[in-house]
Amino acid sequence: MFHYFAIAVTLTAVALLTAAGLGFARNLGLEVESETHFLVALIAAILAIGTNTMLIVFMIVTGRILREAVRARDLPREFLDELNVFFADKAAYPAAIGAAFSIVVAGVLAFAGRHYELSVWVHGSVGVFALGINLAVIPIELGALKANQRLVDRAATALNKIDADLEERGELPEEEPLQPAMIARSAWIVAVSAWMPWGYWGLVEYRGDFGRASIHPWLEVSILAVLVAWMAGRAARDERAAADGESN
C-alpha cells in the first residue's frame, strides 16, 4: 500500500505544480489556453482528492479489520488500543481531510470566477494555498501510512500464528459465506454511483445541458446493479423467513 500511495502522491504533486504553473502563466498574459489549464487542473484535483481519500479509507478500513479480528479471531486487544492511540496522536487524518477540502474550495472558486466576476487572483491565491497544503501534508501522510502499515503487518503475523496454533489443534474456523444482505447493499451503492459520471459530464462538461450527456453505459450498469440488489434482497428475506420459522 505504501508504494502505491507514494506513486499516487508523486503524480499528484506533478499535476498540481503543472496546473499552478499554467494558471500563473495565463494570468501573467502568456499564451496559455484556459481549456488547457482547466484540463490539467481537473486531473490534478481528481488525483489530489483521490490520493487523500485513499489514505482516509485505508486507515478506516484498517480499524474495521482490526476490530473484527479482535472480536472474531482472538487478536490481542492491544492492537486496537495501539490503533486508537495512532489516530489520536497522528495528524495524517485531519491533514488529508484539509488537503482534499482545500482542492475543492479552489475548484469552486475557479467556476465562481467565471459567473460572478471574481478576480482571477482570488482563485489563484486559494489555489496556491491549496497547493501548499497538499505538498506540506505529503511527508505527514507517508510517515503515518508507513507506521500504520507496520501495525497491520504485525497484526497479520499475530493472526497467522493464531491460525497455525488452531490448525495444529484441528480447530481452524471455517470462513463465513458472503451474506445476501451485504451483496444487496453493495449493489445499491453501485446502482447509485453509476450515475455520478453522467452527472459530472452534464454539470461540468456541458454546463447543465444534460441532454448532451449520454446515459450509456451508466443506465445499463445501474439497471444490472438494481437487478442484483433485488435478487440479493429477496434471498436475504428468504433467509430471515427461514430463520424465523426455525425459531418458532
C-alpha atoms as a PDB file:
ATOM      1  CA  MET A   1       0.000   0.000   0.000  1.00  0.00           C
ATOM      2  CA  PHE A   2       2.838   2.393   0.846  1.00  0.00           C
ATOM      3  CA  HIS A   3       4.403   2.079  -2.605  1.00  0.00           C
ATOM      4  CA  TYR A   4       1.079   2.632  -4.383  1.00  0.00           C
ATOM      5  CA  PHE A   5       0.403   5.680  -2.239  1.00  0.00           C
ATOM      6  CA  ALA A   6       3.906   7.048  -2.912  1.00  0.00           C
ATOM      7  CA  ILE A   7       3.314   6.759  -6.670  1.00  0.00           C
ATOM      8  CA  ALA A   8      -0.088   8.471  -6.345  1.00  0.00           C
ATOM      9  CA  VAL A   9       1.440  11.273  -4.261  1.00  0.00           C
ATOM     10  CA  THR A  10       4.206  11.824  -6.823  1.00  0.00           C
ATOM     11  CA  LEU A  11       1.725  12.033  -9.718  1.00  0.00           C
ATOM     12  CA  THR A  12      -0.480  14.371  -7.681  1.00  0.00           C
ATOM     13  CA  ALA A  13       2.406  16.722  -6.853  1.00  0.00           C
ATOM     14  CA  VAL A  14       3.499  16.890 -10.505  1.00  0.00           C
ATOM     15  CA  ALA A  15      -0.065  17.548 -11.693  1.00  0.00           C
ATOM     16  CA  LEU A  16      -0.691  20.241  -9.061  1.00  0.00           C
ATOM     17  CA  LEU A  17       2.563  22.052  -9.833  1.00  0.00           C
ATOM     18  CA  THR A  18       1.848  21.890 -13.570  1.00  0.00           C
ATOM     19  CA  ALA A  19      -1.679  23.238 -13.106  1.00  0.00           C
ATOM     20  CA  ALA A  20      -0.410  26.052 -10.888  1.00  0.00           C
ATOM     21  CA  GLY A  21       2.303  26.950 -13.398  1.00  0.00           C
ATOM     22  CA  LEU A  22      -0.180  27.087 -16.280  1.00  0.00           C
ATOM     23  CA  GLY A  23      -2.564  29.194 -14.224  1.00  0.00           C
ATOM     24  CA  PHE A  24       0.073  31.773 -13.305  1.00  0.00           C
ATOM     25  CA  ALA A  25       1.398  31.874 -16.862  1.00  0.00           C
ATOM     26  CA  ARG A  26      -2.105  32.611 -18.132  1.00  0.00           C
ATOM     27  CA  ASN A  27      -2.716  35.311 -15.501  1.00  0.00           C
ATOM     28  CA  LEU A  28       0.582  36.955 -16.417  1.00  0.00           C
ATOM     29  CA  GLY A  29      -0.552  37.264 -20.033  1.00  0.00           C
ATOM     30  CA  LEU A  30       1.341  34.390 -21.572  1.00  0.00           C
ATOM     31  CA  GLU A  31      -0.301  32.363 -24.330  1.00  0.00           C
ATOM     32  CA  VAL A  32      -1.895  29.556 -22.351  1.00  0.00           C
ATOM     33  CA  GLU A  33      -5.377  28.414 -23.301  1.00  0.00           C
ATOM     34  CA  SER A  34      -7.887  28.316 -20.452  1.00  0.00           C
ATOM     35  CA  GLU A  35      -9.065  24.860 -21.528  1.00  0.00           C
ATOM     36  CA  THR A  36      -5.521  23.502 -21.136  1.00  0.00           C
ATOM     37  CA  HIS A  37      -5.258  24.897 -17.615  1.00  0.00           C
ATOM     38  CA  PHE A  38      -8.748  23.596 -16.806  1.00  0.00           C
ATOM     39  CA  LEU A  39      -7.978  20.073 -18.052  1.00  0.00           C
ATOM     40  CA  VAL A  40      -4.681  19.826 -16.154  1.00  0.00           C
ATOM     41  CA  ALA A  41      -6.249  21.338 -13.016  1.00  0.00           C
ATOM     42  CA  LEU A  42      -9.153  18.872 -13.232  1.00  0.00           C
ATOM     43  CA  ILE A  43      -6.747  15.935 -13.468  1.00  0.00           C
ATOM     44  CA  ALA A  44      -4.735  17.350 -10.561  1.00  0.00           C
ATOM     45  CA  ALA A  45      -7.862  17.811  -8.448  1.00  0.00           C
ATOM     46  CA  ILE A  46      -9.029  14.255  -9.128  1.00  0.00           C
ATOM     47  CA  LEU A  47      -5.592  12.892  -8.218  1.00  0.00           C
ATOM     48  CA  ALA A  48      -5.319  15.039  -5.065  1.00  0.00           C
ATOM     49  CA  ILE A  49      -8.782  14.206  -3.756  1.00  0.00           C
ATOM     50  CA  GLY A  50      -8.392  10.547  -4.712  1.00  0.00           C
ATOM     51  CA  THR A  51      -4.974  10.265  -3.053  1.00  0.00           C
ATOM     52  CA  ASN A  52      -6.094  11.876   0.203  1.00  0.00           C
ATOM     53  CA  THR A  53      -9.293   9.823   0.187  1.00  0.00           C
ATOM     54  CA  MET A  54      -7.214   6.679  -0.356  1.00  0.00           C
ATOM     55  CA  LEU A  55      -5.323   7.372   2.859  1.00  0.00           C
ATOM     56  CA  ILE A  56      -8.509   8.085   4.824  1.00  0.00           C
ATOM     57  CA  VAL A  57     -10.239   4.944   3.535  1.00  0.00           C
ATOM     58  CA  PHE A  58      -7.188   2.778   4.220  1.00  0.00           C
ATOM     59  CA  MET A  59      -6.991   3.961   7.829  1.00  0.00           C
ATOM     60  CA  ILE A  60     -10.727   3.480   8.384  1.00  0.00           C
ATOM     61  CA  VAL A  61     -10.657   0.006   6.827  1.00  0.00           C
ATOM     62  CA  THR A  62      -7.639  -0.889   8.974  1.00  0.00           C
ATOM     63  CA  GLY A  63      -9.631  -0.004  12.072  1.00  0.00           C
ATOM     64  CA  ARG A  64     -12.617  -2.078  10.943  1.00  0.00           C
ATOM     65  CA  ILE A  65     -10.419  -5.080  10.159  1.00  0.00           C
ATOM     66  CA  LEU A  66      -8.607  -4.928  13.488  1.00  0.00           C
ATOM     67  CA  ARG A  67     -11.867  -4.582  15.426  1.00  0.00           C
ATOM     68  CA  GLU A  68     -13.301  -7.601  13.601  1.00  0.00           C
ATOM     69  CA  ALA A  69     -10.101  -9.572  14.200  1.00  0.00           C
ATOM     70  CA  VAL A  70     -10.219  -8.750  17.912  1.00  0.00           C
ATOM     71  CA  ARG A  71     -13.892  -9.791  18.053  1.00  0.00           C
ATOM     72  CA  ALA A  72     -13.835 -12.945  15.950  1.00  0.00           C
ATOM     73  CA  ARG A  73     -10.239 -14.161  15.787  1.00  0.00           C
ATOM     74  CA  ASP A  74      -8.941 -13.588  19.337  1.00  0.00           C
ATOM     75  CA  LEU A  75      -6.415 -10.988  18.194  1.00  0.00           C
ATOM     76  CA  PRO A  76      -4.989  -9.289  21.307  1.00  0.00           C
ATOM     77  CA  ARG A  77      -6.840  -6.091  22.231  1.00  0.00           C
ATOM     78  CA  GLU A  78      -3.504  -4.238  22.373  1.00  0.00           C
ATOM     79  CA  PHE A  79      -3.512  -3.894  18.574  1.00  0.00           C
ATOM     80  CA  LEU A  80      -6.798  -1.985  18.630  1.00  0.00           C
ATOM     81  CA  ASP A  81      -5.628   0.146  21.538  1.00  0.00           C
ATOM     82  CA  GLU A  82      -2.482   0.988  19.604  1.00  0.00           C
ATOM     83  CA  LEU A  83      -4.556   1.969  16.584  1.00  0.00           C
ATOM     84  CA  ASN A  84      -6.678   4.291  18.743  1.00  0.00           C
ATOM     85  CA  VAL A  85      -3.521   5.939  20.057  1.00  0.00           C
ATOM     86  CA  PHE A  86      -2.304   6.202  16.476  1.00  0.00           C
ATOM     87  CA  PHE A  87      -5.467   8.069  15.439  1.00  0.00           C
ATOM     88  CA  ALA A  88      -5.214  10.345  18.459  1.00  0.00           C
ATOM     89  CA  ASP A  89      -1.522  11.225  18.050  1.00  0.00           C
ATOM     90  CA  LYS A  90      -1.032  11.321  14.296  1.00  0.00           C
ATOM     91  CA  ALA A  91      -2.101  14.335  12.235  1.00  0.00           C
ATOM     92  CA  ALA A  92      -2.489  12.429   8.969  1.00  0.00           C
ATOM     93  CA  TYR A  93      -6.248  12.000   9.193  1.00  0.00           C
ATOM     94  CA  PRO A  94      -7.182  15.707   9.619  1.00  0.00           C
ATOM     95  CA  ALA A  95      -4.341  16.672   7.261  1.00  0.00           C
ATOM     96  CA  ALA A  96      -5.774  14.504   4.468  1.00  0.00           C
ATOM     97  CA  ILE A  97      -9.276  15.928   5.010  1.00  0.00           C
ATOM     98  CA  GLY A  98      -7.950  19.503   4.992  1.00  0.00           C
ATOM     99  CA  ALA A  99      -5.883  18.919   1.853  1.00  0.00           C
ATOM    100  CA  ALA A 100      -8.824  17.435  -0.051  1.00  0.00           C
ATOM    101  CA  PHE A 101     -11.162  20.215   1.142  1.00  0.00           C
ATOM    102  CA  SER A 102      -8.725  22.942   0.025  1.00  0.00           C
ATOM    103  CA  ILE A 103      -8.682  21.497  -3.510  1.00  0.00           C
ATOM    104  CA  VAL A 104     -12.486  21.501  -3.606  1.00  0.00           C
ATOM    105  CA  VAL A 105     -12.600  25.162  -2.495  1.00  0.00           C
ATOM    106  CA  ALA A 106     -10.060  26.166  -5.143  1.00  0.00           C
ATOM    107  CA  GLY A 107     -12.090  24.393  -7.829  1.00  0.00           C
ATOM    108  CA  VAL A 108     -15.351  26.006  -6.723  1.00  0.00           C
ATOM    109  CA  LEU A 109     -13.771  29.465  -6.812  1.00  0.00           C
ATOM    110  CA  ALA A 110     -12.460  28.783 -10.308  1.00  0.00           C
ATOM    111  CA  PHE A 111     -16.020  28.239 -11.569  1.00  0.00           C
ATOM    112  CA  ALA A 112     -17.389  31.089  -9.438  1.00  0.00           C
ATOM    113  CA  GLY A 113     -14.907  33.459 -11.023  1.00  0.00           C
ATOM    114  CA  ARG A 114     -16.449  32.839 -14.454  1.00  0.00           C
ATOM    115  CA  HIS A 115     -20.016  33.587 -13.379  1.00  0.00           C
ATOM    116  CA  TYR A 116     -19.683  36.130 -10.552  1.00  0.00           C
ATOM    117  CA  GLU A 117     -16.805  38.216 -11.911  1.00  0.00           C
ATOM    118  CA  LEU A 118     -14.399  37.395  -9.111  1.00  0.00           C
ATOM    119  CA  SER A 119     -10.830  38.447  -9.653  1.00  0.00           C
ATOM    120  CA  VAL A 120      -8.665  35.700 -11.121  1.00  0.00           C
ATOM    121  CA  TRP A 121      -6.253  36.300  -8.257  1.00  0.00           C
ATOM    122  CA  VAL A 122      -8.864  35.120  -5.751  1.00  0.00           C
ATOM    123  CA  HIS A 123      -8.824  31.679  -7.314  1.00  0.00           C
ATOM    124  CA  GLY A 124      -5.056  31.974  -7.769  1.00  0.00           C
ATOM    125  CA  SER A 125      -4.408  32.793  -4.116  1.00  0.00           C
ATOM    126  CA  VAL A 126      -6.627  29.967  -2.858  1.00  0.00           C
ATOM    127  CA  GLY A 127      -5.025  27.661  -5.420  1.00  0.00           C
ATOM    128  CA  VAL A 128      -1.539  28.476  -4.092  1.00  0.00           C
ATOM    129  CA  PHE A 129      -2.809  27.874  -0.550  1.00  0.00           C
ATOM    130  CA  ALA A 130      -4.273  24.503  -1.591  1.00  0.00           C
ATOM    131  CA  LEU A 131      -1.046  23.604  -3.399  1.00  0.00           C
ATOM    132  CA  GLY A 132       0.986  24.444  -0.291  1.00  0.00           C
ATOM    133  CA  ILE A 133      -1.250  22.366   1.983  1.00  0.00           C
ATOM    134  CA  ASN A 134      -1.185  19.350  -0.333  1.00  0.00           C
ATOM    135  CA  LEU A 135       2.608  19.471  -0.635  1.00  0.00           C
ATOM    136  CA  ALA A 136       3.064  20.034   3.101  1.00  0.00           C
ATOM    137  CA  VAL A 137       0.963  17.030   4.136  1.00  0.00           C
ATOM    138  CA  ILE A 138       2.861  14.578   1.913  1.00  0.00           C
ATOM    139  CA  PRO A 139       5.576  13.706   4.483  1.00  0.00           C
ATOM    140  CA  ILE A 140       2.939  13.560   7.255  1.00  0.00           C
ATOM    141  CA  GLU A 141       0.781  11.151   5.255  1.00  0.00           C
ATOM    142  CA  LEU A 142       3.702   8.985   4.142  1.00  0.00           C
ATOM    143  CA  GLY A 143       5.007   8.698   7.714  1.00  0.00           C
ATOM    144  CA  ALA A 144       1.575   7.843   9.084  1.00  0.00           C
ATOM    145  CA  LEU A 145       0.924   5.299   6.357  1.00  0.00           C
ATOM    146  CA  LYS A 146       4.264   3.599   6.972  1.00  0.00           C
ATOM    147  CA  ALA A 147       3.545   3.392  10.727  1.00  0.00           C
ATOM    148  CA  ASN A 148       0.032   2.109  10.050  1.00  0.00           C
ATOM    149  CA  GLN A 149       1.390  -0.493   7.625  1.00  0.00           C
ATOM    150  CA  ARG A 150       3.805  -1.738  10.281  1.00  0.00           C
ATOM    151  CA  LEU A 151       0.866  -2.178  12.668  1.00  0.00           C
ATOM    152  CA  VAL A 152      -1.089  -4.110  10.013  1.00  0.00           C
ATOM    153  CA  ASP A 153       1.916  -6.348   9.292  1.00  0.00           C
ATOM    154  CA  ARG A 154       2.327  -7.131  12.984  1.00  0.00           C
ATOM    155  CA  ALA A 155      -1.386  -7.927  13.268  1.00  0.00           C
ATOM    156  CA  ALA A 156      -1.160 -10.205  10.205  1.00  0.00           C
ATOM    157  CA  THR A 157       1.790 -12.032  11.776  1.00  0.00           C
ATOM    158  CA  ALA A 158      -0.151 -12.478  15.017  1.00  0.00           C
ATOM    159  CA  LEU A 159      -3.202 -13.787  13.106  1.00  0.00           C
ATOM    160  CA  ASN A 160      -1.020 -16.251  11.181  1.00  0.00           C
ATOM    161  CA  LYS A 161       0.353 -17.537  14.487  1.00  0.00           C
ATOM    162  CA  ILE A 162      -3.196 -17.888  15.876  1.00  0.00           C
ATOM    163  CA  ASP A 163      -4.278 -19.796  12.745  1.00  0.00           C
ATOM    164  CA  ALA A 164      -1.228 -22.036  12.941  1.00  0.00           C
ATOM    165  CA  ASP A 165      -1.993 -22.885  16.575  1.00  0.00           C
ATOM    166  CA  LEU A 166      -5.662 -23.592  15.753  1.00  0.00           C
ATOM    167  CA  GLU A 167      -4.694 -25.738  12.771  1.00  0.00           C
ATOM    168  CA  GLU A 168      -2.356 -27.751  14.977  1.00  0.00           C
ATOM    169  CA  ARG A 169      -5.277 -28.481  17.304  1.00  0.00           C
ATOM    170  CA  GLY A 170      -7.675 -29.061  14.383  1.00  0.00           C
ATOM    171  CA  GLU A 171      -9.837 -26.106  15.376  1.00  0.00           C
ATOM    172  CA  LEU A 172      -9.333 -23.781  12.383  1.00  0.00           C
ATOM    173  CA  PRO A 173     -12.647 -21.905  11.863  1.00  0.00           C
ATOM    174  CA  GLU A 174     -14.465 -22.039   8.531  1.00  0.00           C
ATOM    175  CA  GLU A 175     -14.777 -18.846   6.520  1.00  0.00           C
ATOM    176  CA  GLU A 176     -18.167 -17.208   6.735  1.00  0.00           C
ATOM    177  CA  PRO A 177     -20.019 -17.118   3.376  1.00  0.00           C
ATOM    178  CA  LEU A 178     -20.851 -13.759   1.826  1.00  0.00           C
ATOM    179  CA  GLN A 179     -24.235 -12.647   3.129  1.00  0.00           C
ATOM    180  CA  PRO A 180     -27.029 -11.730   0.638  1.00  0.00           C
ATOM    181  CA  ALA A 181     -27.828  -8.573   2.636  1.00  0.00           C
ATOM    182  CA  MET A 182     -24.242  -7.360   2.154  1.00  0.00           C
ATOM    183  CA  ILE A 183     -24.423  -8.089  -1.582  1.00  0.00           C
ATOM    184  CA  ALA A 184     -27.699  -6.142  -1.793  1.00  0.00           C
ATOM    185  CA  ARG A 185     -26.214  -3.084  -0.040  1.00  0.00           C
ATOM    186  CA  SER A 186     -23.150  -3.119  -2.287  1.00  0.00           C
ATOM    187  CA  ALA A 187     -25.309  -3.436  -5.403  1.00  0.00           C
ATOM    188  CA  TRP A 188     -27.451  -0.445  -4.388  1.00  0.00           C
ATOM    189  CA  ILE A 189     -24.282   1.612  -3.907  1.00  0.00           C
ATOM    190  CA  VAL A 190     -23.140   0.654  -7.420  1.00  0.00           C
ATOM    191  CA  ALA A 191     -26.593   1.455  -8.848  1.00  0.00           C
ATOM    192  CA  VAL A 192     -26.486   4.995  -7.434  1.00  0.00           C
ATOM    193  CA  SER A 193     -22.775   5.599  -8.069  1.00  0.00           C
ATOM    194  CA  ALA A 194     -23.132   4.604 -11.727  1.00  0.00           C
ATOM    195  CA  TRP A 195     -24.878   7.935 -12.408  1.00  0.00           C
ATOM    196  CA  MET A 196     -22.064  10.070 -10.985  1.00  0.00           C
ATOM    197  CA  PRO A 197     -20.007  10.189 -14.217  1.00  0.00           C
ATOM    198  CA  TRP A 198     -23.172  11.174 -16.115  1.00  0.00           C
ATOM    199  CA  GLY A 199     -23.819  13.931 -13.571  1.00  0.00           C
ATOM    200  CA  TYR A 200     -20.234  15.150 -13.938  1.00  0.00           C
ATOM    201  CA  TRP A 201     -20.466  15.354 -17.725  1.00  0.00           C
ATOM    202  CA  GLY A 202     -23.814  17.149 -17.542  1.00  0.00           C
ATOM    203  CA  LEU A 203     -22.816  19.658 -14.861  1.00  0.00           C
ATOM    204  CA  VAL A 204     -19.158  20.298 -15.681  1.00  0.00           C
ATOM    205  CA  GLU A 205     -18.511  19.443 -19.304  1.00  0.00           C
ATOM    206  CA  TYR A 206     -21.863  20.577 -20.757  1.00  0.00           C
ATOM    207  CA  ARG A 207     -22.641  23.303 -18.176  1.00  0.00           C
ATOM    208  CA  GLY A 208     -26.011  21.893 -17.102  1.00  0.00           C
ATOM    209  CA  ASP A 209     -27.163  20.713 -20.544  1.00  0.00           C
ATOM    210  CA  PHE A 210     -27.833  17.113 -19.531  1.00  0.00           C
ATOM    211  CA  GLY A 211     -29.390  16.371 -22.915  1.00  0.00           C
ATOM    212  CA  ARG A 212     -25.881  16.291 -24.398  1.00  0.00           C
ATOM    213  CA  ALA A 213     -24.586  13.827 -21.800  1.00  0.00           C
ATOM    214  CA  SER A 214     -25.064  10.207 -22.861  1.00  0.00           C
ATOM    215  CA  ILE A 215     -26.793   7.967 -20.340  1.00  0.00           C
ATOM    216  CA  HIS A 216     -24.896   4.953 -21.683  1.00  0.00           C
ATOM    217  CA  PRO A 217     -23.347   2.820 -20.236  1.00  0.00           C
ATOM    218  CA  TRP A 218     -24.401   4.264 -16.861  1.00  0.00           C
ATOM    219  CA  LEU A 219     -28.039   3.254 -17.415  1.00  0.00           C
ATOM    220  CA  GLU A 220     -27.141  -0.355 -18.170  1.00  0.00           C
ATOM    221  CA  VAL A 221     -24.763  -0.595 -15.189  1.00  0.00           C
ATOM    222  CA  SER A 222     -27.407   0.882 -12.892  1.00  0.00           C
ATOM    223  CA  ILE A 223     -30.132  -1.492 -14.149  1.00  0.00           C
ATOM    224  CA  LEU A 224     -27.842  -4.508 -13.738  1.00  0.00           C
ATOM    225  CA  ALA A 225     -26.937  -3.421 -10.191  1.00  0.00           C
ATOM    226  CA  VAL A 226     -30.626  -2.927  -9.311  1.00  0.00           C
ATOM    227  CA  LEU A 227     -31.389  -6.452 -10.542  1.00  0.00           C
ATOM    228  CA  VAL A 228     -28.535  -7.870  -8.431  1.00  0.00           C
ATOM    229  CA  ALA A 229     -29.756  -5.867  -5.427  1.00  0.00           C
ATOM    230  CA  TRP A 230     -33.317  -7.115  -5.920  1.00  0.00           C
ATOM    231  CA  MET A 231     -32.252 -10.776  -6.169  1.00  0.00           C
ATOM    232  CA  ALA A 232     -29.878 -10.494  -3.197  1.00  0.00           C
ATOM    233  CA  GLY A 233     -32.550  -8.700  -1.171  1.00  0.00           C
ATOM    234  CA  ARG A 234     -35.037 -11.436  -1.974  1.00  0.00           C
ATOM    235  CA  ALA A 235     -32.528 -14.083  -0.873  1.00  0.00           C
ATOM    236  CA  ALA A 236     -31.913 -12.160   2.356  1.00  0.00           C
ATOM    237  CA  ARG A 237     -35.649 -12.011   3.066  1.00  0.00           C
ATOM    238  CA  ASP A 238     -35.957 -15.762   2.445  1.00  0.00           C
ATOM    239  CA  GLU A 239     -33.092 -16.389   4.878  1.00  0.00           C
ATOM    240  CA  ARG A 240     -34.756 -14.258   7.553  1.00  0.00           C
ATOM    241  CA  ALA A 241     -38.104 -16.003   6.988  1.00  0.00           C
ATOM    242  CA  ALA A 242     -36.449 -19.411   7.295  1.00  0.00           C
ATOM    243  CA  ALA A 243     -34.658 -18.352  10.468  1.00  0.00           C
ATOM    244  CA  ASP A 244     -37.921 -17.031  11.959  1.00  0.00           C
ATOM    245  CA  GLY A 245     -39.661 -20.313  11.061  1.00  0.00           C
ATOM    246  CA  GLU A 246     -36.968 -22.353  12.811  1.00  0.00           C
ATOM    247  CA  SER A 247     -37.144 -20.184  15.927  1.00  0.00           C
ATOM    248  CA  ASN A 248     -40.941 -20.620  16.093  1.00  0.00           C
END
